């Protein structure tokens, strides 16, 4: 089964990221084991797509008469949660972009 991707932030890595931003090295995290926001977002979206594919596969197996209803419902629920998370992230990114555009310089 595919788990829903999560993002874990440790205090030490958060402090290092803050220091990199303060020094002007926004992309410096890729070389020292850290990951960029874009890479994390891409992994989360790939996880959401994979959850959708798993739900489709489970549904097709059930339609052919070989599936388990509990597995189908679980796969569809995971796909729904992943889609809701992706939608919430998209809404937040759009809102942040709009807030930046409205800022006075």
N, C-alpha and C. Protein backbone atom coordinates (compact mmCIF):
# COMPACT_ATOMS: atom_id res chain seq x y z
N UNK A 1 0.83 -1.19 0.00
CA UNK A 1 0.00 0.00 0.00
C UNK A 1 0.87 1.24 0.00
N UNK A 2 0.39 2.27 -0.60
CA UNK A 2 1.12 3.53 -0.68
C UNK A 2 0.70 4.42 0.48
N UNK A 3 1.69 4.93 1.22
CA UNK A 3 1.40 5.84 2.32
C UNK A 3 1.30 7.25 1.78
N UNK A 4 0.53 8.06 2.45
CA UNK A 4 0.38 9.45 2.08
C UNK A 4 1.67 10.16 2.47
N UNK A 5 2.28 10.91 1.55
CA UNK A 5 3.55 11.55 1.86
C UNK A 5 3.39 12.60 2.94
N UNK A 6 4.36 12.63 3.83
CA UNK A 6 4.37 13.62 4.89
C UNK A 6 5.68 14.38 4.85
N UNK A 7 5.68 15.55 5.41
CA UNK A 7 6.88 16.37 5.48
C UNK A 7 7.25 16.51 6.94
N UNK A 8 8.47 16.08 7.29
CA UNK A 8 8.96 16.18 8.65
C UNK A 8 10.06 17.24 8.69
N UNK A 9 9.93 18.17 9.60
CA UNK A 9 10.92 19.23 9.74
C UNK A 9 11.54 19.10 11.12
N UNK A 10 12.87 18.90 11.15
CA UNK A 10 13.59 18.83 12.40
C UNK A 10 14.11 20.22 12.74
N UNK A 11 14.17 20.56 14.02
CA UNK A 11 14.63 21.91 14.39
C UNK A 11 16.01 22.25 13.84
N UNK A 12 16.93 21.29 13.83
CA UNK A 12 18.28 21.60 13.34
C UNK A 12 18.27 21.91 11.84
N UNK A 13 17.50 21.15 11.06
CA UNK A 13 17.45 21.43 9.63
C UNK A 13 16.71 22.74 9.35
N UNK A 14 15.73 23.06 10.17
CA UNK A 14 15.02 24.33 10.01
C UNK A 14 15.97 25.50 10.29
N UNK A 15 16.81 25.36 11.32
CA UNK A 15 17.78 26.40 11.64
C UNK A 15 18.81 26.55 10.52
N UNK A 16 19.25 25.43 9.94
CA UNK A 16 20.21 25.48 8.84
C UNK A 16 19.57 26.15 7.61
N UNK A 17 18.32 25.82 7.33
CA UNK A 17 17.63 26.43 6.20
C UNK A 17 17.47 27.93 6.41
N UNK A 18 17.15 28.32 7.63
CA UNK A 18 17.01 29.75 7.94
C UNK A 18 18.34 30.46 7.74
N UNK A 19 19.43 29.82 8.17
CA UNK A 19 20.75 30.42 8.00
C UNK A 19 21.11 30.55 6.52
N UNK A 20 20.76 29.54 5.70
CA UNK A 20 21.03 29.61 4.27
C UNK A 20 20.26 30.75 3.62
N UNK A 21 19.02 30.94 4.03
CA UNK A 21 18.21 32.03 3.46
C UNK A 21 18.79 33.37 3.87
N UNK A 22 19.21 33.50 5.13
CA UNK A 22 19.79 34.75 5.60
C UNK A 22 21.08 35.09 4.86
N UNK A 23 21.85 34.05 4.48
CA UNK A 23 23.12 34.30 3.79
C UNK A 23 22.93 34.43 2.28
N UNK A 24 21.71 34.25 1.80
CA UNK A 24 21.43 34.40 0.38
C UNK A 24 21.53 33.12 -0.42
N UNK A 25 21.79 31.99 0.22
CA UNK A 25 21.92 30.72 -0.48
C UNK A 25 20.60 29.96 -0.48
N UNK A 26 19.66 30.37 -1.29
CA UNK A 26 18.33 29.76 -1.28
C UNK A 26 18.34 28.32 -1.75
N UNK A 27 19.21 27.95 -2.70
CA UNK A 27 19.23 26.59 -3.23
C UNK A 27 20.34 25.75 -2.63
N UNK A 28 20.97 26.19 -1.57
CA UNK A 28 22.11 25.47 -1.02
C UNK A 28 21.72 24.18 -0.33
N UNK A 29 20.45 23.96 -0.05
CA UNK A 29 20.02 22.78 0.68
C UNK A 29 20.08 21.50 -0.11
N UNK A 30 20.16 21.55 -1.42
CA UNK A 30 20.14 20.35 -2.23
C UNK A 30 21.40 19.53 -2.08
N UNK A 31 22.54 20.13 -1.81
CA UNK A 31 23.78 19.40 -1.75
C UNK A 31 24.09 18.76 -0.42
N UNK A 32 23.49 19.22 0.68
CA UNK A 32 23.85 18.70 1.99
C UNK A 32 22.81 17.75 2.57
N UNK A 33 22.07 17.07 1.74
CA UNK A 33 21.10 16.11 2.23
C UNK A 33 19.72 16.70 2.42
N UNK A 34 19.58 18.02 2.35
CA UNK A 34 18.28 18.64 2.48
C UNK A 34 17.53 18.54 1.17
N UNK A 35 16.30 18.97 1.16
CA UNK A 35 15.56 18.95 -0.09
C UNK A 35 14.87 20.29 -0.26
N UNK A 36 14.73 20.70 -1.49
CA UNK A 36 14.10 21.97 -1.76
C UNK A 36 12.59 21.84 -1.66
N UNK A 37 11.93 22.97 -1.57
CA UNK A 37 10.47 22.97 -1.51
C UNK A 37 9.88 22.36 -2.77
N UNK A 38 10.48 22.69 -3.91
CA UNK A 38 9.99 22.16 -5.18
C UNK A 38 10.08 20.65 -5.25
N UNK A 39 11.20 20.10 -4.78
CA UNK A 39 11.37 18.64 -4.80
C UNK A 39 10.37 17.97 -3.85
N UNK A 40 10.16 18.57 -2.70
CA UNK A 40 9.20 18.02 -1.75
C UNK A 40 7.79 18.07 -2.32
N UNK A 41 7.46 19.18 -2.95
CA UNK A 41 6.14 19.33 -3.57
C UNK A 41 5.96 18.33 -4.71
N UNK A 42 7.01 18.12 -5.49
CA UNK A 42 6.93 17.16 -6.58
C UNK A 42 6.71 15.74 -6.05
N UNK A 43 7.41 15.36 -4.98
CA UNK A 43 7.20 14.03 -4.39
C UNK A 43 5.78 13.88 -3.86
N UNK A 44 5.24 14.93 -3.27
CA UNK A 44 3.87 14.87 -2.75
C UNK A 44 2.87 14.70 -3.88
N UNK A 45 3.08 15.43 -4.98
CA UNK A 45 2.17 15.31 -6.12
C UNK A 45 2.28 13.93 -6.77
N UNK A 46 3.51 13.40 -6.86
CA UNK A 46 3.68 12.06 -7.40
C UNK A 46 2.98 11.02 -6.52
N UNK A 47 3.01 11.25 -5.20
CA UNK A 47 2.31 10.36 -4.28
C UNK A 47 0.80 10.42 -4.48
N UNK A 48 0.28 11.62 -4.75
CA UNK A 48 -1.15 11.78 -4.99
C UNK A 48 -1.56 11.08 -6.28
N UNK A 49 -0.74 11.20 -7.31
CA UNK A 49 -1.04 10.53 -8.58
C UNK A 49 -0.98 9.02 -8.40
N UNK A 50 0.02 8.55 -7.66
CA UNK A 50 0.14 7.11 -7.41
C UNK A 50 -1.06 6.58 -6.63
N UNK A 51 -1.55 7.37 -5.67
CA UNK A 51 -2.74 6.96 -4.92
C UNK A 51 -3.95 6.84 -5.85
N UNK A 52 -4.06 7.74 -6.81
CA UNK A 52 -5.15 7.66 -7.79
C UNK A 52 -5.03 6.43 -8.67
N UNK A 53 -3.80 6.12 -9.11
CA UNK A 53 -3.60 4.92 -9.92
C UNK A 53 -3.91 3.65 -9.13
N UNK A 54 -3.52 3.63 -7.87
CA UNK A 54 -3.81 2.47 -7.02
C UNK A 54 -5.31 2.29 -6.85
N UNK A 55 -6.02 3.40 -6.64
CA UNK A 55 -7.48 3.32 -6.51
C UNK A 55 -8.12 2.80 -7.79
N UNK A 56 -7.62 3.27 -8.93
CA UNK A 56 -8.14 2.78 -10.21
C UNK A 56 -7.90 1.29 -10.38
N UNK A 57 -6.70 0.86 -10.03
CA UNK A 57 -6.36 -0.56 -10.17
C UNK A 57 -7.22 -1.43 -9.25
N UNK A 58 -7.44 -0.97 -8.02
CA UNK A 58 -8.28 -1.71 -7.08
C UNK A 58 -9.73 -1.77 -7.59
N UNK A 59 -10.21 -0.68 -8.14
CA UNK A 59 -11.58 -0.66 -8.65
C UNK A 59 -11.73 -1.60 -9.85
N UNK A 60 -10.74 -1.61 -10.73
CA UNK A 60 -10.80 -2.51 -11.88
C UNK A 60 -10.75 -3.98 -11.45
N UNK A 61 -9.94 -4.26 -10.43
CA UNK A 61 -9.87 -5.63 -9.91
C UNK A 61 -11.22 -6.03 -9.32
N UNK A 62 -11.85 -5.10 -8.60
CA UNK A 62 -13.16 -5.40 -8.01
C UNK A 62 -14.22 -5.60 -9.09
N UNK A 63 -14.16 -4.80 -10.15
CA UNK A 63 -15.13 -4.93 -11.23
C UNK A 63 -14.99 -6.26 -11.96
N UNK A 64 -13.78 -6.80 -11.99
CA UNK A 64 -13.57 -8.08 -12.65
C UNK A 64 -13.98 -9.25 -11.76
N UNK A 65 -14.37 -8.96 -10.52
CA UNK A 65 -14.84 -9.99 -9.62
C UNK A 65 -13.77 -10.59 -8.72
N UNK A 66 -12.55 -10.06 -8.78
CA UNK A 66 -11.46 -10.61 -7.98
C UNK A 66 -11.06 -9.74 -6.81
N UNK A 67 -11.68 -8.60 -6.64
CA UNK A 67 -11.24 -7.64 -5.63
C UNK A 67 -11.95 -7.77 -4.31
N UNK A 68 -11.37 -7.10 -3.33
CA UNK A 68 -11.92 -7.04 -1.99
C UNK A 68 -12.51 -5.63 -1.81
N UNK A 69 -13.75 -5.56 -1.39
CA UNK A 69 -14.43 -4.28 -1.25
C UNK A 69 -13.72 -3.36 -0.25
N UNK A 70 -13.21 -3.94 0.83
CA UNK A 70 -12.52 -3.13 1.83
C UNK A 70 -11.28 -2.48 1.23
N UNK A 71 -10.52 -3.21 0.42
CA UNK A 71 -9.33 -2.65 -0.21
C UNK A 71 -9.69 -1.55 -1.21
N UNK A 72 -10.79 -1.74 -1.91
CA UNK A 72 -11.23 -0.72 -2.87
C UNK A 72 -11.60 0.56 -2.13
N UNK A 73 -12.39 0.44 -1.08
CA UNK A 73 -12.83 1.62 -0.33
C UNK A 73 -11.62 2.32 0.30
N UNK A 74 -10.68 1.55 0.84
CA UNK A 74 -9.48 2.14 1.43
C UNK A 74 -8.65 2.88 0.38
N UNK A 75 -8.46 2.27 -0.78
CA UNK A 75 -7.68 2.91 -1.84
C UNK A 75 -8.36 4.18 -2.33
N UNK A 76 -9.66 4.16 -2.48
CA UNK A 76 -10.39 5.35 -2.94
C UNK A 76 -10.33 6.45 -1.87
N UNK A 77 -10.43 6.08 -0.61
CA UNK A 77 -10.35 7.07 0.47
C UNK A 77 -8.96 7.72 0.50
N UNK A 78 -7.91 6.91 0.30
CA UNK A 78 -6.56 7.47 0.27
C UNK A 78 -6.39 8.41 -0.92
N UNK A 79 -6.93 8.03 -2.06
CA UNK A 79 -6.84 8.89 -3.24
C UNK A 79 -7.61 10.19 -3.01
N UNK A 80 -8.76 10.10 -2.37
CA UNK A 80 -9.55 11.30 -2.08
C UNK A 80 -8.79 12.23 -1.14
N UNK A 81 -8.17 11.66 -0.10
CA UNK A 81 -7.40 12.47 0.84
C UNK A 81 -6.21 13.12 0.15
N UNK A 82 -5.54 12.38 -0.71
CA UNK A 82 -4.40 12.93 -1.44
C UNK A 82 -4.84 14.07 -2.36
N UNK A 83 -5.97 13.90 -3.02
CA UNK A 83 -6.49 14.96 -3.90
C UNK A 83 -6.89 16.20 -3.10
N UNK A 84 -7.53 15.99 -1.95
CA UNK A 84 -7.90 17.12 -1.11
C UNK A 84 -6.67 17.86 -0.61
N UNK A 85 -5.62 17.11 -0.26
CA UNK A 85 -4.37 17.74 0.19
C UNK A 85 -3.73 18.54 -0.94
N UNK A 86 -3.71 17.96 -2.13
CA UNK A 86 -3.13 18.66 -3.28
C UNK A 86 -3.91 19.93 -3.60
N UNK A 87 -5.21 19.86 -3.50
CA UNK A 87 -6.05 21.03 -3.74
C UNK A 87 -5.80 22.11 -2.69
N UNK A 88 -5.66 21.71 -1.44
CA UNK A 88 -5.39 22.68 -0.37
C UNK A 88 -4.03 23.35 -0.57
N UNK A 89 -3.04 22.56 -0.98
CA UNK A 89 -1.71 23.14 -1.23
C UNK A 89 -1.78 24.11 -2.39
N UNK A 90 -2.47 23.71 -3.46
CA UNK A 90 -2.61 24.61 -4.61
C UNK A 90 -3.28 25.92 -4.20
N UNK A 91 -4.35 25.84 -3.41
CA UNK A 91 -5.05 27.03 -2.97
C UNK A 91 -4.16 27.95 -2.15
N UNK A 92 -3.33 27.34 -1.28
CA UNK A 92 -2.41 28.13 -0.46
C UNK A 92 -1.35 28.81 -1.32
N UNK A 93 -0.81 28.10 -2.30
CA UNK A 93 0.21 28.68 -3.17
C UNK A 93 -0.38 29.83 -3.97
N UNK A 94 -1.57 29.66 -4.50
CA UNK A 94 -2.22 30.74 -5.26
C UNK A 94 -2.49 31.93 -4.36
N UNK A 95 -2.95 31.69 -3.14
CA UNK A 95 -3.22 32.78 -2.20
C UNK A 95 -1.93 33.52 -1.86
N UNK A 96 -0.84 32.78 -1.63
CA UNK A 96 0.44 33.42 -1.34
C UNK A 96 0.91 34.26 -2.51
N UNK A 97 0.75 33.75 -3.72
CA UNK A 97 1.13 34.50 -4.92
C UNK A 97 0.31 35.78 -5.02
N UNK A 98 -0.98 35.70 -4.79
CA UNK A 98 -1.83 36.88 -4.85
C UNK A 98 -1.46 37.89 -3.78
N UNK A 99 -1.11 37.41 -2.58
CA UNK A 99 -0.68 38.31 -1.52
C UNK A 99 0.61 39.04 -1.90
N UNK A 100 1.54 38.32 -2.54
CA UNK A 100 2.80 38.93 -2.95
C UNK A 100 2.55 39.98 -4.03
N UNK A 101 1.66 39.67 -4.97
CA UNK A 101 1.34 40.61 -6.04
C UNK A 101 0.74 41.90 -5.49
N UNK A 102 -0.05 41.80 -4.43
CA UNK A 102 -0.73 42.97 -3.84
C UNK A 102 0.19 43.82 -2.98
N UNK A 103 1.39 43.31 -2.65
CA UNK A 103 2.28 44.05 -1.75
C UNK A 103 2.74 45.35 -2.40
N UNK A 104 2.78 46.37 -1.59
CA UNK A 104 3.30 47.66 -2.05
C UNK A 104 4.82 47.66 -1.94
N UNK A 105 5.44 48.22 -2.95
CA UNK A 105 6.93 48.24 -2.94
C UNK A 105 7.42 49.57 -2.47
